[in-house]
Amino acid sequence: MSSFTETDLPLELNDGEIVTLADGTSVRFESSGEAKDIMINDGFSPAATLFPGNEHVFEAGGNTYRLSCEFGNAMKIERV
C-alpha cells in the first residue's frame, strides 16, 4: 500500500493508497463500482461517498481540502 503526505498534493490517489495531511489526518477511499467511500482517519464508516463528477470539501488542521473523482479507480485530493 502506497502512502503519501501533504507535500505530494495535489495528487491522484488510487484505491488502497493513503495520504496523511500535515496535522496527521489520514484520507483514503474504497471503491464500490464507480462510487468511492471516503474514509477520514481510522474510521470504518465513510465520511462521504463520491460519484463521478462530485466533490467533497473538508477542513483539517486549519486548511481546506477538496476531493473529487471521475470514472476510474482514482480520486483527486488537493488543498484549496
C-alpha atoms as a PDB file:
ATOM      1  CA  MET A   1       0.000   0.000   0.000  1.00  0.00           C
ATOM      2  CA  SER A   2       1.451   3.363  -1.030  1.00  0.00           C
ATOM      3  CA  SER A   3       1.470   6.283   1.382  1.00  0.00           C
ATOM      4  CA  PHE A   4       1.693   9.972   0.592  1.00  0.00           C
ATOM      5  CA  THR A   5       1.957  13.194   2.586  1.00  0.00           C
ATOM      6  CA  GLU A   6       0.597  16.697   2.149  1.00  0.00           C
ATOM      7  CA  THR A   7       3.759  17.705   0.292  1.00  0.00           C
ATOM      8  CA  ASP A   8       2.613  15.402  -2.544  1.00  0.00           C
ATOM      9  CA  LEU A   9      -0.632  17.377  -3.102  1.00  0.00           C
ATOM     10  CA  PRO A  10      -2.346  17.716  -5.462  1.00  0.00           C
ATOM     11  CA  LEU A  11      -2.393  14.045  -6.314  1.00  0.00           C
ATOM     12  CA  GLU A  12      -4.482  11.270  -7.785  1.00  0.00           C
ATOM     13  CA  LEU A  13      -4.988   8.748  -5.001  1.00  0.00           C
ATOM     14  CA  ASN A  14      -5.736   5.164  -6.025  1.00  0.00           C
ATOM     15  CA  ASP A  15      -7.816   2.609  -4.138  1.00  0.00           C
ATOM     16  CA  GLY A  16      -5.673   1.171  -1.344  1.00  0.00           C
ATOM     17  CA  GLU A  17      -3.418   4.232  -1.061  1.00  0.00           C
ATOM     18  CA  ILE A  18      -3.447   6.711   1.813  1.00  0.00           C
ATOM     19  CA  VAL A  19      -2.440  10.343   2.232  1.00  0.00           C
ATOM     20  CA  THR A  20      -1.529  11.802   5.620  1.00  0.00           C
ATOM     21  CA  LEU A  21      -2.057  15.539   5.915  1.00  0.00           C
ATOM     22  CA  ALA A  22       0.160  17.951   7.889  1.00  0.00           C
ATOM     23  CA  ASP A  23      -1.975  17.678  11.061  1.00  0.00           C
ATOM     24  CA  GLY A  24      -1.951  13.863  10.980  1.00  0.00           C
ATOM     25  CA  THR A  25      -5.379  13.429   9.367  1.00  0.00           C
ATOM     26  CA  SER A  26      -5.373  10.458   7.020  1.00  0.00           C
ATOM     27  CA  VAL A  27      -7.554  10.124   3.921  1.00  0.00           C
ATOM     28  CA  ARG A  28      -8.240   7.012   1.850  1.00  0.00           C
ATOM     29  CA  PHE A  29     -11.115   5.582  -0.150  1.00  0.00           C
ATOM     30  CA  GLU A  30     -12.659   2.262  -1.043  1.00  0.00           C
ATOM     31  CA  SER A  31     -14.316   1.731  -4.410  1.00  0.00           C
ATOM     32  CA  SER A  32     -17.748   0.262  -4.796  1.00  0.00           C
ATOM     33  CA  GLY A  33     -18.260   0.291  -8.545  1.00  0.00           C
ATOM     34  CA  GLU A  34     -17.922   3.925  -9.594  1.00  0.00           C
ATOM     35  CA  ALA A  35     -18.802   5.140  -6.066  1.00  0.00           C
ATOM     36  CA  LYS A  36     -15.923   5.953  -3.745  1.00  0.00           C
ATOM     37  CA  ASP A  37     -16.422   5.732   0.020  1.00  0.00           C
ATOM     38  CA  ILE A  38     -14.157   8.335   1.632  1.00  0.00           C
ATOM     39  CA  MET A  39     -12.576   7.350   4.933  1.00  0.00           C
ATOM     40  CA  ILE A  40     -11.058  10.065   7.098  1.00  0.00           C
ATOM     41  CA  ASN A  41      -8.681   8.867   9.807  1.00  0.00           C
ATOM     42  CA  ASP A  42      -9.207   5.328  11.060  1.00  0.00           C
ATOM     43  CA  GLY A  43     -12.992   5.228  10.738  1.00  0.00           C
ATOM     44  CA  PHE A  44     -14.719   2.350   9.001  1.00  0.00           C
ATOM     45  CA  SER A  45     -17.830   4.373   8.158  1.00  0.00           C
ATOM     46  CA  PRO A  46     -17.465   6.667   5.157  1.00  0.00           C
ATOM     47  CA  ALA A  47     -17.351  10.406   5.828  1.00  0.00           C
ATOM     48  CA  ALA A  48     -18.788  10.838   2.323  1.00  0.00           C
ATOM     49  CA  THR A  49     -19.483   8.881  -0.843  1.00  0.00           C
ATOM     50  CA  LEU A  50     -18.328  10.378  -4.121  1.00  0.00           C
ATOM     51  CA  PHE A  51     -19.745   9.600  -7.530  1.00  0.00           C
ATOM     52  CA  PRO A  52     -18.130  10.687 -10.816  1.00  0.00           C
ATOM     53  CA  GLY A  53     -18.384  14.449 -11.199  1.00  0.00           C
ATOM     54  CA  ASN A  54     -18.939  15.076  -7.467  1.00  0.00           C
ATOM     55  CA  GLU A  55     -16.658  16.659  -4.913  1.00  0.00           C
ATOM     56  CA  HIS A  56     -16.360  16.764  -1.144  1.00  0.00           C
ATOM     57  CA  VAL A  57     -14.698  19.638   0.734  1.00  0.00           C
ATOM     58  CA  PHE A  58     -13.457  19.282   4.311  1.00  0.00           C
ATOM     59  CA  GLU A  59     -11.209  21.083   6.766  1.00  0.00           C
ATOM     60  CA  ALA A  60      -8.278  19.682   8.702  1.00  0.00           C
ATOM     61  CA  GLY A  61      -5.567  21.490  10.610  1.00  0.00           C
ATOM     62  CA  GLY A  62      -6.888  24.907   9.562  1.00  0.00           C
ATOM     63  CA  ASN A  63      -6.668  24.057   5.849  1.00  0.00           C
ATOM     64  CA  THR A  64      -9.388  23.253   3.320  1.00  0.00           C
ATOM     65  CA  TYR A  65      -9.160  20.231   1.027  1.00  0.00           C
ATOM     66  CA  ARG A  66     -11.216  19.146  -1.971  1.00  0.00           C
ATOM     67  CA  LEU A  67     -11.759  15.528  -3.002  1.00  0.00           C
ATOM     68  CA  SER A  68     -13.135  14.851  -6.471  1.00  0.00           C
ATOM     69  CA  CYS A  69     -13.399  11.939  -8.855  1.00  0.00           C
ATOM     70  CA  GLU A  70     -14.331  10.949 -12.353  1.00  0.00           C
ATOM     71  CA  PHE A  71     -14.842   7.480 -13.811  1.00  0.00           C
ATOM     72  CA  GLY A  72     -11.972   5.153 -12.965  1.00  0.00           C
ATOM     73  CA  ASN A  73     -10.163   3.990  -9.881  1.00  0.00           C
ATOM     74  CA  ALA A  74      -8.659   7.261  -8.651  1.00  0.00           C
ATOM     75  CA  MET A  75      -9.665  10.244  -6.524  1.00  0.00           C
ATOM     76  CA  LYS A  76      -8.067  13.669  -6.736  1.00  0.00           C
ATOM     77  CA  ILE A  77      -7.151  15.387  -3.478  1.00  0.00           C
ATOM     78  CA  GLU A  78      -5.989  18.982  -3.397  1.00  0.00           C
ATOM     79  CA  ARG A  79      -5.580  21.812  -0.939  1.00  0.00           C
ATOM     80  CA  VAL A  80      -7.802  24.803  -1.762  1.00  0.00           C
END
